[in-house]
Protein backbone atom coordinates (compact mmCIF):
# COMPACT_ATOMS: atom_id res chain seq x y z
CA MET A 1 0.00 0.00 0.00
CA ARG A 2 1.35 3.41 -0.92
CA ILE A 3 -0.20 6.77 -0.14
CA GLU A 4 1.45 9.73 -1.82
CA PRO A 5 2.09 12.82 0.33
CA LYS A 6 -0.09 15.76 -0.59
CA ASP A 7 1.15 18.63 1.51
CA ILE A 8 3.42 19.10 4.51
CA LYS A 9 2.39 21.82 6.94
CA ARG A 10 4.14 23.31 9.94
CA LEU A 11 1.98 24.67 12.71
CA GLY A 12 3.04 26.63 15.77
CA ARG A 13 1.62 24.90 18.82
CA SER A 14 1.26 21.20 19.57
CA ALA A 15 -2.45 21.67 20.15
CA ASP A 16 -2.74 23.10 16.62
CA LEU A 17 -1.23 19.91 15.20
CA PHE A 18 -3.75 17.67 16.92
CA ASP A 19 -6.64 20.00 16.18
CA ALA A 20 -5.71 19.90 12.48
CA VAL A 21 -5.86 16.08 12.52
CA GLN A 22 -9.08 16.06 14.49
CA ASN A 23 -10.90 18.48 12.17
CA GLY A 24 -9.60 16.96 8.93
CA GLN A 25 -7.11 19.68 7.94
CA ALA A 26 -4.27 17.15 8.35
CA ASP A 27 -4.15 13.39 8.06
CA VAL A 28 -1.32 12.68 10.50
CA THR A 29 1.02 14.45 12.89
CA PHE A 30 4.19 13.51 14.71
CA ALA A 31 4.84 14.73 18.23
CA ASP A 32 6.81 13.95 21.34
CA GLN A 33 5.33 10.84 22.93
CA PRO A 34 4.16 12.51 26.17
CA VAL A 35 2.36 15.22 24.20
CA ALA A 36 0.69 12.72 21.86
CA ALA A 37 -0.31 10.48 24.77
CA TYR A 38 -1.87 13.38 26.67
CA TYR A 39 -3.87 14.52 23.66
CA ALA A 40 -5.09 10.98 22.97
CA LYS A 41 -6.10 10.60 26.62
CA THR A 42 -8.07 13.84 26.57
CA HIS A 43 -9.60 13.13 23.12
CA PRO A 44 -10.04 9.32 23.11
CA ARG A 45 -12.86 9.24 20.59
CA GLN A 46 -11.10 11.36 17.98
CA ILE A 47 -7.38 10.59 18.19
CA GLU A 48 -5.40 7.38 18.28
CA THR A 49 -1.68 7.31 18.95
CA TRP A 50 1.01 4.72 18.88
CA SER A 51 4.68 4.78 19.58
CA ALA A 52 7.41 5.01 16.99
CA ASP A 53 9.97 3.71 19.46
CA GLY A 54 13.14 2.53 17.84
CA LEU A 55 13.13 5.33 15.31
CA ALA A 56 14.87 7.99 17.33
CA PRO A 57 16.53 6.75 20.48
CA PRO A 58 16.67 8.05 23.12
CA GLN A 59 13.76 10.30 22.19
CA ARG A 60 10.22 9.02 22.16
CA ILE A 61 8.11 10.04 19.21
CA GLY A 62 4.36 9.59 19.01
CA ILE A 63 2.20 9.50 15.90
CA ALA A 64 -1.42 10.68 15.93
CA LEU A 65 -4.11 9.96 13.35
CA ARG A 66 -7.88 10.02 13.25
CA LYS A 67 -9.17 6.68 14.56
CA GLN A 68 -11.26 6.02 11.47
CA ASP A 69 -8.26 6.31 9.10
CA LYS A 70 -7.29 2.63 9.23
CA GLU A 71 -5.82 2.66 5.71
CA LEU A 72 -3.56 5.59 6.58
CA GLN A 73 -2.56 3.91 9.85
CA ALA A 74 -1.46 0.84 7.91
CA ALA A 75 0.44 2.96 5.37
CA VAL A 76 2.26 4.93 8.10
CA SER A 77 3.20 1.70 9.88
CA GLN A 78 4.53 0.23 6.65
CA ALA A 79 6.49 3.40 5.89
CA ILE A 80 8.10 3.37 9.34
CA GLU A 81 9.08 -0.28 8.96
CA LYS A 82 10.54 0.43 5.53
CA LEU A 83 12.61 3.34 6.91
CA LYS A 84 13.95 1.09 9.64
CA ASP A 85 14.55 -1.92 7.36
CA ASN A 86 16.33 -0.12 4.53
CA GLY A 87 18.55 2.03 6.78
CA THR A 88 17.05 5.37 5.73
CA PHE A 89 16.23 6.34 9.28
CA THR A 90 19.73 5.54 10.49
CA ARG A 91 21.21 7.69 7.72
CA LEU A 92 18.89 10.61 8.58
CA TYR A 93 19.57 10.16 12.28
CA LYS A 94 23.30 10.44 11.70
CA LYS A 95 23.07 13.25 9.12
CA TRP A 96 20.89 15.51 11.25
CA ARG A 97 22.29 14.38 14.63
CA ILE A 98 18.86 13.62 15.99
CA GLY A 99 18.96 13.36 19.76
CA GLN A 100 22.34 15.01 20.14
């Protein structure tokens, strides 16, 4: 399954990111795990999160999507696995010194 990116947006506040997903202005957002977990806890019917652990040690990254977007959830999971499997994430991690 492959979903082509349409548009990448940068928003100012974390709450804006989750609000954009919730109201359909964005399909997915990435956030620090504690922030994503809090938003999912306070909006359990609208937002689902899962951990992207292993992508950016020692940081914890959370991913948030609308619960009903099962196809997108599967595509994001596949994309993360592909990044890990083919070494792309490791190259980006080293290039941009993520976590340093």
